[in-house]
């Protein structure tokens, strides 16, 4: 969406995800993808709704508090407090 709004709207944009796979023998993989106009509209609508929630102070905790990503998350305390209420 950013590339489109910065002068590349008339081109097909190919996205590449570079992934480091952390296994016993690490490997590097690349995945290519494109996005349709429907994908952009869906993302834009979701972004607007999330922004409305943020603006209203709505907090939706992650219910996967045992998730590996939660361990170092700066919002973990807020999630824990929310569940304790």
N, C-alpha and C. Protein backbone atom coordinates (compact mmCIF):
# COMPACT_ATOMS: atom_id res chain seq x y z
N UNK A 1 0.83 -1.18 0.00
CA UNK A 1 0.00 0.00 0.00
C UNK A 1 0.88 1.25 0.00
N UNK A 2 1.97 1.18 0.75
CA UNK A 2 2.88 2.33 0.81
C UNK A 2 3.53 2.56 -0.54
N UNK A 3 3.96 1.50 -1.20
CA UNK A 3 4.59 1.64 -2.51
C UNK A 3 3.61 2.23 -3.51
N UNK A 4 2.36 1.78 -3.47
CA UNK A 4 1.34 2.32 -4.38
C UNK A 4 1.12 3.80 -4.16
N UNK A 5 1.09 4.21 -2.90
CA UNK A 5 0.82 5.62 -2.62
C UNK A 5 2.04 6.51 -2.82
N UNK A 6 3.20 5.90 -3.06
CA UNK A 6 4.43 6.66 -3.28
C UNK A 6 4.91 6.58 -4.73
N UNK A 7 3.96 6.54 -5.65
CA UNK A 7 4.31 6.64 -7.06
C UNK A 7 4.43 5.34 -7.83
N UNK A 8 4.13 4.22 -7.22
CA UNK A 8 4.24 2.95 -7.92
C UNK A 8 2.87 2.31 -8.16
N UNK A 9 1.81 3.11 -8.11
CA UNK A 9 0.46 2.61 -8.24
C UNK A 9 0.13 2.04 -9.60
N UNK A 10 0.89 2.43 -10.61
CA UNK A 10 0.63 1.95 -11.96
C UNK A 10 1.38 0.67 -12.31
N UNK A 11 2.09 0.12 -11.34
CA UNK A 11 2.89 -1.10 -11.58
C UNK A 11 2.36 -2.26 -10.75
N UNK A 12 2.59 -3.47 -11.25
CA UNK A 12 2.31 -4.65 -10.42
C UNK A 12 3.48 -4.79 -9.45
N UNK A 13 3.16 -4.95 -8.18
CA UNK A 13 4.20 -5.01 -7.15
C UNK A 13 4.34 -6.45 -6.68
N UNK A 14 5.56 -6.96 -6.77
CA UNK A 14 5.87 -8.30 -6.32
C UNK A 14 6.54 -8.19 -4.96
N UNK A 15 5.97 -8.83 -3.96
CA UNK A 15 6.52 -8.79 -2.61
C UNK A 15 7.37 -10.03 -2.36
N UNK A 16 8.44 -9.84 -1.60
CA UNK A 16 9.29 -10.96 -1.25
C UNK A 16 9.48 -11.00 0.26
N UNK A 17 9.21 -12.15 0.84
CA UNK A 17 9.45 -12.38 2.26
C UNK A 17 10.72 -13.21 2.39
N UNK A 18 11.71 -12.67 3.09
CA UNK A 18 12.95 -13.40 3.36
C UNK A 18 12.84 -13.99 4.76
N UNK A 19 12.89 -15.31 4.83
CA UNK A 19 12.66 -16.00 6.10
C UNK A 19 13.86 -16.83 6.52
N UNK A 20 14.29 -16.64 7.74
CA UNK A 20 15.32 -17.49 8.33
C UNK A 20 14.60 -18.54 9.14
N UNK A 21 14.73 -19.79 8.74
CA UNK A 21 14.08 -20.90 9.41
C UNK A 21 15.02 -21.42 10.49
N UNK A 22 14.61 -21.26 11.74
CA UNK A 22 15.47 -21.61 12.87
C UNK A 22 15.21 -23.05 13.28
N UNK A 23 15.86 -23.96 12.60
CA UNK A 23 15.79 -25.39 12.93
C UNK A 23 17.19 -25.86 13.30
N UNK A 24 17.35 -27.14 13.54
CA UNK A 24 18.66 -27.67 13.91
C UNK A 24 19.70 -27.26 12.87
N UNK A 25 19.32 -27.34 11.62
CA UNK A 25 20.17 -26.83 10.54
C UNK A 25 19.42 -25.64 9.94
N UNK A 26 19.76 -24.41 10.38
CA UNK A 26 19.03 -23.23 9.89
C UNK A 26 19.11 -23.11 8.37
N UNK A 27 18.04 -22.57 7.80
CA UNK A 27 18.04 -22.35 6.36
C UNK A 27 17.33 -21.04 6.06
N UNK A 28 17.59 -20.52 4.91
CA UNK A 28 17.02 -19.25 4.47
C UNK A 28 16.09 -19.55 3.30
N UNK A 29 14.85 -19.06 3.39
CA UNK A 29 13.88 -19.29 2.31
C UNK A 29 13.28 -17.97 1.88
N UNK A 30 12.93 -17.88 0.61
CA UNK A 30 12.28 -16.69 0.07
C UNK A 30 10.92 -17.08 -0.49
N UNK A 31 9.93 -16.25 -0.18
CA UNK A 31 8.58 -16.48 -0.68
C UNK A 31 8.12 -15.22 -1.41
N UNK A 32 7.56 -15.40 -2.58
CA UNK A 32 7.08 -14.28 -3.38
C UNK A 32 5.56 -14.29 -3.42
N UNK A 33 4.98 -13.08 -3.42
CA UNK A 33 3.53 -12.97 -3.45
C UNK A 33 3.13 -11.62 -4.03
N UNK A 34 1.90 -11.51 -4.45
CA UNK A 34 1.32 -10.25 -4.88
C UNK A 34 0.04 -10.03 -4.10
N UNK A 35 -0.51 -8.84 -4.18
CA UNK A 35 -1.76 -8.52 -3.51
C UNK A 35 -2.75 -7.97 -4.53
N UNK A 36 -4.01 -8.33 -4.37
CA UNK A 36 -5.06 -7.86 -5.27
C UNK A 36 -5.67 -6.58 -4.70
N UNK A 37 -6.50 -5.94 -5.49
CA UNK A 37 -7.21 -4.75 -5.02
C UNK A 37 -8.09 -5.10 -3.83
N UNK A 38 -8.70 -6.28 -3.85
CA UNK A 38 -9.52 -6.72 -2.71
C UNK A 38 -8.68 -6.86 -1.45
N UNK A 39 -7.44 -7.34 -1.59
CA UNK A 39 -6.54 -7.45 -0.44
C UNK A 39 -6.26 -6.08 0.17
N UNK A 40 -6.03 -5.08 -0.71
CA UNK A 40 -5.77 -3.72 -0.23
C UNK A 40 -6.99 -3.15 0.49
N UNK A 41 -8.17 -3.35 -0.08
CA UNK A 41 -9.39 -2.83 0.54
C UNK A 41 -9.64 -3.49 1.90
N UNK A 42 -9.41 -4.80 1.98
CA UNK A 42 -9.60 -5.53 3.23
C UNK A 42 -8.62 -5.01 4.30
N UNK A 43 -7.36 -4.84 3.92
CA UNK A 43 -6.36 -4.34 4.86
C UNK A 43 -6.69 -2.91 5.31
N UNK A 44 -7.10 -2.07 4.37
CA UNK A 44 -7.44 -0.69 4.70
C UNK A 44 -8.61 -0.65 5.69
N UNK A 45 -9.63 -1.45 5.45
CA UNK A 45 -10.78 -1.48 6.34
C UNK A 45 -10.37 -1.95 7.74
N UNK A 46 -9.53 -2.97 7.81
CA UNK A 46 -9.07 -3.48 9.10
C UNK A 46 -8.23 -2.44 9.84
N UNK A 47 -7.37 -1.74 9.13
CA UNK A 47 -6.53 -0.70 9.73
C UNK A 47 -7.40 0.39 10.32
N UNK A 48 -8.41 0.81 9.57
CA UNK A 48 -9.32 1.86 10.06
C UNK A 48 -10.04 1.41 11.32
N UNK A 49 -10.53 0.18 11.36
CA UNK A 49 -11.24 -0.32 12.54
C UNK A 49 -10.31 -0.44 13.75
N UNK A 50 -9.09 -0.90 13.53
CA UNK A 50 -8.13 -0.99 14.63
C UNK A 50 -7.81 0.40 15.16
N UNK A 51 -7.64 1.37 14.26
CA UNK A 51 -7.35 2.75 14.69
C UNK A 51 -8.51 3.31 15.51
N UNK A 52 -9.74 3.01 15.11
CA UNK A 52 -10.91 3.46 15.90
C UNK A 52 -10.83 2.90 17.32
N UNK A 53 -10.49 1.63 17.44
CA UNK A 53 -10.37 1.00 18.76
C UNK A 53 -9.27 1.64 19.59
N UNK A 54 -8.13 1.87 18.98
CA UNK A 54 -7.01 2.51 19.69
C UNK A 54 -7.42 3.90 20.15
N UNK A 55 -8.07 4.66 19.28
CA UNK A 55 -8.50 6.02 19.61
C UNK A 55 -9.50 6.04 20.76
N UNK A 56 -10.28 4.99 20.91
CA UNK A 56 -11.28 4.90 21.98
C UNK A 56 -10.72 4.24 23.25
N UNK A 57 -9.46 3.83 23.20
CA UNK A 57 -8.84 3.22 24.37
C UNK A 57 -9.22 1.77 24.58
N UNK A 58 -9.70 1.12 23.53
CA UNK A 58 -10.08 -0.29 23.65
C UNK A 58 -8.83 -1.15 23.65
N UNK A 59 -8.73 -2.04 24.63
CA UNK A 59 -7.58 -2.94 24.74
C UNK A 59 -8.07 -4.37 24.64
N UNK A 60 -7.58 -5.09 23.68
CA UNK A 60 -7.94 -6.50 23.51
C UNK A 60 -6.70 -7.32 23.82
N UNK A 61 -6.68 -8.02 24.94
CA UNK A 61 -5.49 -8.78 25.33
C UNK A 61 -5.28 -10.01 24.46
N UNK A 62 -4.05 -10.43 24.42
CA UNK A 62 -3.70 -11.67 23.74
C UNK A 62 -4.02 -12.80 24.71
N UNK A 63 -4.89 -13.71 24.31
CA UNK A 63 -5.25 -14.79 25.23
C UNK A 63 -4.26 -15.94 25.17
N UNK A 64 -3.20 -15.78 24.44
CA UNK A 64 -2.15 -16.80 24.42
C UNK A 64 -0.99 -16.40 25.30
N UNK A 65 -1.28 -16.11 26.57
CA UNK A 65 -0.24 -15.58 27.46
C UNK A 65 0.94 -16.53 27.65
N UNK A 66 0.76 -17.77 27.29
CA UNK A 66 1.87 -18.72 27.38
C UNK A 66 2.64 -18.77 26.05
N UNK A 67 2.22 -17.94 25.13
CA UNK A 67 2.83 -17.88 23.82
C UNK A 67 4.28 -17.40 23.95
N UNK A 68 5.19 -17.92 23.16
CA UNK A 68 6.60 -17.53 23.24
C UNK A 68 6.80 -16.06 22.93
N UNK A 69 5.91 -15.47 22.15
CA UNK A 69 6.05 -14.05 21.81
C UNK A 69 5.68 -13.15 22.98
N UNK A 70 4.90 -13.66 23.92
CA UNK A 70 4.44 -12.85 25.06
C UNK A 70 5.56 -12.59 26.07
N UNK A 71 6.52 -13.48 26.14
CA UNK A 71 7.55 -13.41 27.16
C UNK A 71 8.23 -12.04 27.23
N UNK A 72 8.58 -11.47 26.10
CA UNK A 72 9.29 -10.20 26.07
C UNK A 72 8.42 -9.04 25.57
N UNK A 73 7.13 -9.25 25.51
CA UNK A 73 6.22 -8.22 25.00
C UNK A 73 6.04 -7.11 26.04
N UNK A 74 6.10 -5.87 25.59
CA UNK A 74 5.96 -4.74 26.51
C UNK A 74 4.53 -4.58 27.02
N UNK A 75 3.57 -5.30 26.43
CA UNK A 75 2.18 -5.22 26.88
C UNK A 75 1.77 -6.42 27.74
N UNK A 76 2.70 -7.34 28.00
CA UNK A 76 2.36 -8.55 28.76
C UNK A 76 1.72 -8.21 30.10
N UNK A 77 2.28 -7.23 30.81
CA UNK A 77 1.74 -6.82 32.11
C UNK A 77 0.28 -6.39 31.97
N UNK A 78 -0.03 -5.66 30.92
CA UNK A 78 -1.40 -5.19 30.70
C UNK A 78 -2.35 -6.36 30.43
N UNK A 79 -1.90 -7.34 29.66
CA UNK A 79 -2.72 -8.53 29.42
C UNK A 79 -2.98 -9.29 30.72
N UNK A 80 -1.91 -9.48 31.50
CA UNK A 80 -2.04 -10.20 32.77
C UNK A 80 -3.02 -9.48 33.70
N UNK A 81 -2.89 -8.15 33.79
CA UNK A 81 -3.79 -7.38 34.64
C UNK A 81 -5.23 -7.47 34.15
N UNK A 82 -5.42 -7.44 32.86
CA UNK A 82 -6.76 -7.53 32.29
C UNK A 82 -7.42 -8.85 32.66
N UNK A 83 -6.66 -9.96 32.57
CA UNK A 83 -7.22 -11.28 32.89
C UNK A 83 -7.48 -11.44 34.39
N UNK A 84 -6.71 -10.75 35.24
CA UNK A 84 -6.89 -10.85 36.68
C UNK A 84 -8.11 -10.05 37.18
N UNK A 85 -8.56 -9.07 36.40
CA UNK A 85 -9.72 -8.27 36.82
C UNK A 85 -10.98 -9.07 36.80
